[in-house]
């Protein structure tokens, strides 16, 4: 069995999602690329810029040393979509001494500088070593490998944050059908793990696709769960919750209200009334009571999203918002369609524009200010302690790094360095 190396390339356009995690750890459609790769390999190594300072404790345990990597290797771009059927087929369909590419967006393709490397298979001996690092992309661009078009293997890649939502909807049903083999059948179309609690009044409807509930999941009275749906280990579904189809709830989440076709990363809370739809919610996010996002324009047109100075047409009629890790929303926060919320920002009132990382956004309440780094670190520590998670120096270092790399983003948005102060407050 081949070893797998997951490598990073240009992932900045996935920000803010990729500011706090390697793209291979983005969870959608019931899994992640790292988990999917672990199904077909004895060892999976991740070479990531976040390995030395990361909020994801699991990443730092996977760092590969060149001396420990040998033999037949499958190399995967960290932005590859975790399509389980495709990943499972790679050992048989990806030939040895081959490379899978697709043209760089805006490029003509055909030259190494204009191609994005999605995957490759070659002996470890062909990879160039530089000290304690493997020069993966440089090595793959240099050595002679048989070139294969990505479409022949059905490999797809995430380019922008909204791709997470698009691929989640496309893949969740078939991924859950594959994953269901590892669970016990609770009733037709519903698959569960250990120690689950489902109230007798709860409704589980797998008519449109499977429902999977992980270890220790609790489903409260009168909750309605529609498949395809994934609820990860140790998550709680509160009474009267409506989890609509194509929703992905990761481990250690607490959810309530109405959620549709949304993707939640681990340790996030949406415990109260309000609607979150066709949205990405990062880790360690807390959505206050009444928080709601719009996912459809009044004109029924496709949603456009601004990234920096560029405006992108997502091609999606339903697209809500992207919320980065460690964000918090006040009660009755309303987020307009297609908005991007950066890491560790706090939201109040109506959100009518993108919000940079480390920002207190309360523009319609008379305030826009920086969320100070020391406050972000202390808030993280408090939230961690509520889940019995210890804040580490790695966590603090990552917040400091994100704060530093997003300074210009705040300047461009006119975010002043001042204390949060509402009209009439003292």
Protein backbone atom coordinates (compact mmCIF):
# COMPACT_ATOMS: atom_id res chain seq x y z
CA UNK A 1 0.00 0.00 0.00
CA UNK A 2 1.38 3.42 -0.98
CA UNK A 3 2.09 6.17 1.48
CA UNK A 4 0.32 9.48 0.89
CA UNK A 5 1.78 12.97 1.09
CA UNK A 6 -0.64 15.90 1.17
CA UNK A 7 1.02 19.16 0.12
CA UNK A 8 -0.10 22.77 0.02
CA UNK A 9 0.08 25.15 -2.88
CA UNK A 10 -1.61 28.52 -3.39
CA UNK A 11 -4.52 28.39 -0.94
CA UNK A 12 -4.87 32.10 -0.11
CA UNK A 13 -8.11 32.45 -2.10
CA UNK A 14 -9.68 29.97 0.34
CA UNK A 15 -9.22 32.50 3.14
CA UNK A 16 -10.51 33.00 5.78
CA UNK A 17 -11.18 29.25 5.94
CA UNK A 18 -7.55 28.31 5.26
CA UNK A 19 -6.08 30.87 7.65
CA UNK A 20 -6.65 28.45 10.53
CA UNK A 21 -6.41 25.02 8.92
CA UNK A 22 -4.70 23.18 6.12
CA UNK A 23 -7.28 22.78 3.31
CA UNK A 24 -7.06 19.00 3.72
CA UNK A 25 -8.76 19.44 7.10
CA UNK A 26 -11.81 21.27 5.77
CA UNK A 27 -14.73 19.02 6.62
CA UNK A 28 -17.53 18.72 4.08
CA UNK A 29 -19.87 15.98 2.85
CA UNK A 30 -19.12 13.85 5.91
CA UNK A 31 -15.33 13.80 5.71
CA UNK A 32 -12.11 15.68 4.88
CA UNK A 33 -9.33 14.99 2.42
CA UNK A 34 -7.08 13.82 5.25
CA UNK A 35 -9.70 11.35 6.51
CA UNK A 36 -10.49 10.19 2.98
CA UNK A 37 -6.78 9.61 2.28
CA UNK A 38 -6.43 7.56 5.46
CA UNK A 39 -8.84 5.02 3.95
CA UNK A 40 -6.36 4.06 1.23
CA UNK A 41 -2.94 4.43 2.87
CA UNK A 42 -1.05 3.09 5.88
CA UNK A 43 0.51 6.50 6.48
CA UNK A 44 -0.60 9.99 5.50
CA UNK A 45 1.87 12.85 5.86
CA UNK A 46 0.86 16.51 5.66
CA UNK A 47 3.33 19.21 4.64
CA UNK A 48 1.64 22.43 5.71
CA UNK A 49 2.60 26.00 6.54
CA UNK A 50 0.43 25.67 9.64
CA UNK A 51 2.19 22.67 11.16
CA UNK A 52 4.29 24.63 13.62
CA UNK A 53 1.57 27.04 14.68
CA UNK A 54 -1.91 25.68 14.34
CA UNK A 55 -5.19 25.61 16.21
CA UNK A 56 -5.85 22.12 14.86
CA UNK A 57 -4.11 19.82 17.36
CA UNK A 58 -4.28 16.84 14.99
CA UNK A 59 -2.23 18.49 12.24
CA UNK A 60 0.97 18.83 14.27
CA UNK A 61 1.05 15.06 14.86
CA UNK A 62 1.24 14.27 11.16
CA UNK A 63 4.38 16.08 10.15
CA UNK A 64 6.44 13.86 7.92
CA UNK A 65 10.23 13.69 8.05
CA UNK A 66 11.93 13.02 4.70
CA UNK A 67 13.88 10.19 6.30
CA UNK A 68 10.66 8.36 7.21
CA UNK A 69 9.12 8.61 3.74
CA UNK A 70 10.08 5.86 1.31
CA UNK A 71 8.79 3.65 -1.48
CA UNK A 72 5.70 4.22 -3.62
CA UNK A 73 4.14 7.64 -2.93
CA UNK A 74 0.80 9.17 -3.87
CA UNK A 75 0.96 12.95 -3.57
CA UNK A 76 -2.24 14.96 -3.27
CA UNK A 77 -2.87 18.69 -3.41
CA UNK A 78 -4.46 19.74 -0.10
CA UNK A 79 -7.28 21.50 -1.99
CA UNK A 80 -8.56 18.31 -3.63
CA UNK A 81 -12.25 17.76 -2.93
CA UNK A 82 -12.87 14.75 -0.63
CA UNK A 83 -14.98 12.73 -3.05
CA UNK A 84 -14.76 9.29 -1.40
CA UNK A 85 -15.48 7.33 -4.58
CA UNK A 86 -12.68 9.15 -6.39
CA UNK A 87 -10.15 8.97 -3.54
CA UNK A 88 -10.87 5.27 -2.96
CA UNK A 89 -10.11 4.56 -6.63
CA UNK A 90 -6.72 6.30 -6.76
CA UNK A 91 -4.51 3.29 -5.90
CA UNK A 92 -5.92 1.47 -8.95
CA UNK A 93 -6.49 4.37 -11.35
CA UNK A 94 -3.46 6.59 -10.73
CA UNK A 95 -0.53 5.00 -12.61
CA UNK A 96 2.97 4.96 -11.18
CA UNK A 97 5.31 7.69 -12.44
CA UNK A 98 2.42 9.97 -13.41
CA UNK A 99 1.25 13.48 -12.60
CA UNK A 100 -2.28 14.92 -12.70
CA UNK A 101 -2.64 18.57 -13.66
CA UNK A 102 -5.16 21.11 -14.79
CA UNK A 103 -4.63 24.57 -16.32
CA UNK A 104 -4.13 27.44 -13.91
CA UNK A 105 -7.18 29.70 -13.90
CA UNK A 106 -6.58 32.36 -16.51
CA UNK A 107 -3.71 30.40 -18.06
CA UNK A 108 -3.69 28.44 -21.30
CA UNK A 109 -2.20 25.36 -19.69
CA UNK A 110 0.35 23.02 -21.17
CA UNK A 111 3.42 24.56 -19.53
CA UNK A 112 4.54 23.65 -16.04
CA UNK A 113 4.20 27.26 -14.88
CA UNK A 114 0.58 27.39 -16.04
CA UNK A 115 -0.54 24.05 -14.61
CA UNK A 116 -1.89 23.31 -11.15
CA UNK A 117 -0.59 20.02 -9.77
CA UNK A 118 -3.46 18.02 -8.30
CA UNK A 119 -1.83 14.64 -7.74
CA UNK A 120 1.16 12.52 -8.63
CA UNK A 121 2.59 9.07 -8.06
CA UNK A 122 6.30 8.39 -7.95
CA UNK A 123 9.05 6.82 -5.83
CA UNK A 124 10.12 8.83 -2.79
CA UNK A 125 13.68 8.79 -4.12
CA UNK A 126 12.69 11.22 -6.90
CA UNK A 127 11.71 13.99 -4.48
CA UNK A 128 14.26 16.67 -3.73
CA UNK A 129 15.19 17.18 -0.09
CA UNK A 130 16.26 20.50 1.38
CA UNK A 131 17.35 20.07 4.97
CA UNK A 132 14.36 18.80 6.92
CA UNK A 133 11.91 19.64 4.13
CA UNK A 134 10.77 18.03 0.94
CA UNK A 135 10.58 20.38 -2.04
CA UNK A 136 7.44 18.73 -3.36
CA UNK A 137 6.11 21.14 -5.98
CA UNK A 138 9.63 21.93 -7.21
CA UNK A 139 10.43 18.22 -7.47
CA UNK A 140 7.23 17.36 -9.35
CA UNK A 141 7.82 20.21 -11.80
CA UNK A 142 11.37 18.99 -12.46
CA UNK A 143 11.11 15.22 -12.84
CA UNK A 144 9.76 13.47 -15.92
CA UNK A 145 6.32 12.00 -15.25
CA UNK A 146 3.48 10.87 -17.50
CA UNK A 147 0.92 13.67 -17.64
CA UNK A 148 -2.75 12.87 -16.98
CA UNK A 149 -5.67 15.27 -17.24
CA UNK A 150 -7.59 15.73 -13.99
CA UNK A 151 -10.92 15.02 -15.68
CA UNK A 152 -9.86 11.43 -16.42
CA UNK A 153 -9.69 10.70 -12.69
CA UNK A 154 -12.60 13.00 -11.78
CA UNK A 155 -10.33 14.96 -9.43
CA UNK A 156 -11.69 18.38 -8.51
CA UNK A 157 -10.14 21.18 -6.52
CA UNK A 158 -11.44 23.90 -4.20
CA UNK A 159 -10.48 27.37 -5.46
CA UNK A 160 -12.73 29.69 -3.44
CA UNK A 161 -14.55 29.47 -0.09
CA UNK A 162 -17.97 28.98 -1.69
CA UNK A 163 -16.65 25.85 -3.44
CA UNK A 164 -16.88 24.15 -0.03
CA UNK A 165 -20.64 24.69 -0.04
CA UNK A 166 -21.05 23.69 -3.68
CA UNK A 167 -19.12 20.44 -3.33
CA UNK A 168 -20.81 19.63 -0.03
CA UNK A 169 -24.20 19.68 -1.76
CA UNK A 170 -22.93 17.69 -4.74
CA UNK A 171 -21.19 14.96 -2.73
CA UNK A 172 -22.89 14.54 0.63
CA UNK A 173 -25.41 11.92 -0.48
CA UNK A 174 -22.93 9.61 -2.22
CA UNK A 175 -20.26 10.11 0.46
CA UNK A 176 -22.70 9.19 3.22
CA UNK A 177 -23.81 6.11 1.29
CA UNK A 178 -20.17 4.98 1.31
CA UNK A 179 -19.56 5.94 4.95
CA UNK A 180 -22.75 4.22 6.15
CA UNK A 181 -21.01 0.83 5.87
CA UNK A 182 -18.98 1.78 8.97
CA UNK A 183 -22.08 2.46 11.08
CA UNK A 184 -24.95 0.41 12.50
CA UNK A 185 -28.37 0.71 10.87
CA UNK A 186 -30.73 2.29 13.40
CA UNK A 187 -33.67 2.16 11.00
CA UNK A 188 -33.83 2.15 7.19
CA UNK A 189 -31.65 4.97 5.89
CA UNK A 190 -30.44 6.03 9.36
CA UNK A 191 -26.99 4.95 10.53
CA UNK A 192 -25.54 5.47 13.99
CA UNK A 193 -22.42 4.91 16.04
CA UNK A 194 -22.09 4.25 19.78
CA UNK A 195 -24.00 5.71 22.74
CA UNK A 196 -26.48 7.83 20.82
CA UNK A 197 -29.63 9.27 22.39
CA UNK A 198 -32.61 9.97 20.13
CA UNK A 199 -35.81 11.21 21.78
CA UNK A 200 -38.87 9.16 20.73
CA UNK A 201 -40.60 12.30 19.44
CA UNK A 202 -37.76 13.21 17.07
CA UNK A 203 -38.40 12.73 13.34
CA UNK A 204 -35.64 11.25 11.17
CA UNK A 205 -36.42 11.43 7.45
CA UNK A 206 -33.90 9.74 5.10
CA UNK A 207 -36.16 9.93 2.03
CA UNK A 208 -33.70 12.13 0.10
CA UNK A 209 -30.51 10.54 1.45
CA UNK A 210 -28.83 8.83 4.42
CA UNK A 211 -28.62 10.23 7.93
CA UNK A 212 -25.44 9.46 9.90
CA UNK A 213 -25.09 10.18 13.62
CA UNK A 214 -21.66 9.77 15.28
CA UNK A 215 -20.62 8.67 18.77
CA UNK A 216 -22.52 10.19 21.71
CA UNK A 217 -24.84 12.30 19.55
CA UNK A 218 -27.94 13.55 21.38
CA UNK A 219 -31.13 14.39 19.45
CA UNK A 220 -33.68 16.25 21.56
CA UNK A 221 -37.50 16.17 21.61
CA UNK A 222 -39.40 17.17 18.46
CA UNK A 223 -36.25 17.70 16.42
CA UNK A 224 -36.63 17.06 12.67
CA UNK A 225 -33.64 15.64 10.79
CA UNK A 226 -33.70 15.36 6.99
CA UNK A 227 -31.16 13.37 5.00
CA UNK A 228 -28.69 13.52 3.52
CA UNK A 229 -27.32 14.69 6.86
CA UNK A 230 -24.17 14.11 8.89
CA UNK A 231 -23.88 14.88 12.62
CA UNK A 232 -20.42 14.27 14.07
CA UNK A 233 -19.30 12.75 17.36
CA UNK A 234 -20.39 14.36 20.64
CA UNK A 235 -22.70 16.89 18.99
CA UNK A 236 -26.08 17.90 20.41
CA UNK A 237 -29.24 18.62 18.44
CA UNK A 238 -31.52 20.67 20.68
CA UNK A 239 -35.30 20.25 20.99
CA UNK A 240 -37.38 21.56 18.07
CA UNK A 241 -34.31 21.87 15.81
CA UNK A 242 -34.89 21.53 12.06
CA UNK A 243 -31.81 20.13 10.32
CA UNK A 244 -32.63 20.25 6.63
CA UNK A 245 -31.04 18.18 3.91
CA UNK A 246 -27.42 18.52 2.77
CA UNK A 247 -26.25 19.72 6.18
CA UNK A 248 -22.87 18.77 7.64
CA UNK A 249 -22.42 19.18 11.41
CA UNK A 250 -18.92 18.27 12.60
CA UNK A 251 -17.97 16.92 16.03
CA UNK A 252 -18.58 18.72 19.33
CA UNK A 253 -21.19 21.14 17.93
CA UNK A 254 -24.41 22.30 19.58
CA UNK A 255 -27.18 23.22 17.18
CA UNK A 256 -30.72 24.55 17.30
CA UNK A 257 -33.17 26.54 15.19
CA UNK A 258 -33.22 25.93 11.43
CA UNK A 259 -30.14 24.90 9.44
CA UNK A 260 -30.14 24.09 5.72
CA UNK A 261 -27.31 22.88 3.45
CA UNK A 262 -24.75 24.37 5.83
CA UNK A 263 -21.28 23.15 6.76
CA UNK A 264 -20.22 23.43 10.41
CA UNK A 265 -16.63 22.78 11.50
CA UNK A 266 -15.91 21.31 14.98
CA UNK A 267 -16.69 23.00 18.31
CA UNK A 268 -19.20 25.57 17.06
CA UNK A 269 -22.52 26.60 18.59
CA UNK A 270 -25.83 27.67 17.10
CA UNK A 271 -28.04 26.76 20.01
CA UNK A 272 -30.99 29.12 19.59
CA UNK A 273 -33.66 30.18 17.09
CA UNK A 274 -32.64 31.67 13.77
CA UNK A 275 -31.80 30.42 10.27
CA UNK A 276 -28.39 29.47 8.88
CA UNK A 277 -28.53 28.29 5.28
CA UNK A 278 -26.06 27.44 2.51
CA UNK A 279 -23.35 28.79 4.80
CA UNK A 280 -19.92 27.77 6.09
CA UNK A 281 -19.38 28.10 9.84
CA UNK A 282 -15.80 27.68 11.05
CA UNK A 283 -14.59 26.18 14.32
CA UNK A 284 -15.14 27.75 17.75
CA UNK A 285 -17.89 30.02 16.43
CA UNK A 286 -20.79 31.08 18.64
CA UNK A 287 -23.96 32.36 16.96
CA UNK A 288 -26.18 34.35 19.32
CA UNK A 289 -29.95 33.89 19.56
CA UNK A 290 -31.76 35.11 16.47
CA UNK A 291 -28.68 35.13 14.24
CA UNK A 292 -29.86 34.65 10.66
CA UNK A 293 -28.26 34.78 7.25
CA UNK A 294 -29.80 35.39 3.84
CA UNK A 295 -28.99 32.78 1.19
CA UNK A 296 -31.13 34.00 -1.73
CA UNK A 297 -31.26 37.37 -3.50
CA UNK A 298 -34.63 39.07 -3.96
CA UNK A 299 -33.95 38.96 -7.70
CA UNK A 300 -33.30 35.18 -7.62
CA UNK A 301 -30.03 35.86 -9.46
CA UNK A 302 -26.67 34.23 -8.81
CA UNK A 303 -24.78 35.44 -5.76
CA UNK A 304 -21.69 37.59 -6.29
CA UNK A 305 -18.90 37.71 -3.70
CA UNK A 306 -16.15 40.27 -3.29
CA UNK A 307 -12.65 39.01 -2.47
CA UNK A 308 -10.26 41.91 -2.03
CA UNK A 309 -10.74 44.18 -5.04
CA UNK A 310 -12.26 41.47 -7.24
CA UNK A 311 -15.95 40.63 -7.62
CA UNK A 312 -16.71 36.98 -8.38
CA UNK A 313 -19.93 35.47 -9.66
CA UNK A 314 -20.30 32.23 -7.70
CA UNK A 315 -22.79 30.84 -10.20
CA UNK A 316 -24.88 29.78 -7.20
CA UNK A 317 -28.46 30.91 -6.70
CA UNK A 318 -28.31 29.83 -3.05
CA UNK A 319 -25.22 31.00 -1.21
CA UNK A 320 -25.26 32.38 2.32
CA UNK A 321 -22.10 33.44 4.13
CA UNK A 322 -18.61 32.25 5.05
CA UNK A 323 -17.78 32.64 8.75
CA UNK A 324 -14.16 32.20 9.86
CA UNK A 325 -13.00 30.50 13.05
CA UNK A 326 -13.48 32.11 16.49
CA UNK A 327 -16.22 34.50 15.32
CA UNK A 328 -19.07 35.53 17.62
CA UNK A 329 -22.44 37.09 16.77
CA UNK A 330 -24.68 39.09 19.08
CA UNK A 331 -28.40 38.43 19.41
CA UNK A 332 -30.48 39.15 16.30
CA UNK A 333 -27.48 39.55 14.01
CA UNK A 334 -28.49 39.50 10.33
CA UNK A 335 -25.94 38.63 7.64
CA UNK A 336 -26.72 39.53 4.04
CA UNK A 337 -26.17 37.18 1.10
CA UNK A 338 -22.63 36.30 0.06
CA UNK A 339 -20.72 37.95 2.88
CA UNK A 340 -17.27 36.79 4.06
CA UNK A 341 -16.50 37.11 7.77
CA UNK A 342 -12.85 36.93 8.82
CA UNK A 343 -11.24 35.13 11.75
CA UNK A 344 -12.00 36.23 15.31
CA UNK A 345 -14.46 38.97 14.42
CA UNK A 346 -17.49 39.97 16.48
CA UNK A 347 -20.74 40.92 14.73
CA UNK A 348 -23.62 43.14 15.83
CA UNK A 349 -26.73 44.26 13.95
CA UNK A 350 -26.98 43.92 10.17
CA UNK A 351 -23.90 42.83 8.23
CA UNK A 352 -24.01 44.45 4.79
CA UNK A 353 -20.39 43.98 3.69
CA UNK A 354 -17.42 41.67 4.16
CA UNK A 355 -15.85 41.86 7.62
CA UNK A 356 -12.05 41.66 8.02
CA UNK A 357 -10.45 39.42 10.63
CA UNK A 358 -10.18 40.86 14.16
CA UNK A 359 -12.99 43.37 13.69
CA UNK A 360 -15.90 44.49 15.86
CA UNK A 361 -18.55 45.13 13.20
CA UNK A 362 -21.50 47.22 14.37
CA UNK A 363 -21.69 49.78 11.59
CA UNK A 364 -25.46 50.27 11.71
CA UNK A 365 -25.19 50.70 15.48
CA UNK A 366 -22.58 53.42 15.09
CA UNK A 367 -19.39 51.46 15.60
CA UNK A 368 -16.59 49.80 13.67
CA UNK A 369 -13.40 48.97 15.51
CA UNK A 370 -10.53 46.53 15.81
CA UNK A 371 -10.99 43.51 18.05
CA UNK A 372 -7.71 43.70 19.90
CA UNK A 373 -5.36 40.73 19.75
CA UNK A 374 -5.07 40.37 23.52
CA UNK A 375 -8.88 40.24 23.76
CA UNK A 376 -9.00 37.59 21.02
CA UNK A 377 -6.46 35.45 22.88
CA UNK A 378 -8.35 35.75 26.16
CA UNK A 379 -11.70 35.03 24.49
CA UNK A 380 -10.23 31.91 22.89
CA UNK A 381 -8.94 30.75 26.27
CA UNK A 382 -12.36 31.21 27.88
CA UNK A 383 -14.20 29.35 25.12
CA UNK A 384 -11.68 26.51 25.17
CA UNK A 385 -12.09 26.12 28.93
CA UNK A 386 -15.85 25.68 28.54
CA UNK A 387 -15.11 22.59 26.41
CA UNK A 388 -12.26 21.36 28.63
CA UNK A 389 -9.69 22.17 25.95
CA UNK A 390 -6.39 23.70 27.03
CA UNK A 391 -5.14 26.71 25.10
CA UNK A 392 -1.55 26.12 23.96
CA UNK A 393 1.27 28.36 22.82
CA UNK A 394 0.59 27.05 19.30
CA UNK A 395 -2.95 28.43 19.49
CA UNK A 396 -1.70 31.82 20.63
CA UNK A 397 1.04 31.89 17.99
CA UNK A 398 -1.48 31.18 15.25
CA UNK A 399 -3.76 34.02 16.35
CA UNK A 400 -0.78 36.37 16.41
CA UNK A 401 0.24 35.28 12.92
CA UNK A 402 -3.28 35.74 11.52
CA UNK A 403 -3.55 39.15 13.17
CA UNK A 404 -0.28 40.17 11.51
CA UNK A 405 -1.13 38.95 8.00
CA UNK A 406 -4.57 40.61 8.07
CA UNK A 407 -3.42 44.11 9.11
CA UNK A 408 -3.68 45.47 5.54
CA UNK A 409 -7.14 43.94 5.18
CA UNK A 410 -8.36 45.99 8.15
CA UNK A 411 -6.66 49.14 6.89
CA UNK A 412 -8.31 48.79 3.49
CA UNK A 413 -11.71 48.45 5.18
CA UNK A 414 -11.10 51.52 7.34
CA UNK A 415 -11.21 49.63 10.64
CA UNK A 416 -9.94 52.03 13.35
CA UNK A 417 -7.92 51.00 16.40
CA UNK A 418 -10.40 51.95 19.11
CA UNK A 419 -12.55 50.41 21.80
CA UNK A 420 -15.99 49.05 20.94
CA UNK A 421 -18.43 51.76 21.97
CA UNK A 422 -22.13 51.98 21.10
CA UNK A 423 -24.19 55.16 20.99
CA UNK A 424 -25.40 56.06 24.45
CA UNK A 425 -22.99 53.69 26.21
CA UNK A 426 -20.48 54.87 28.78
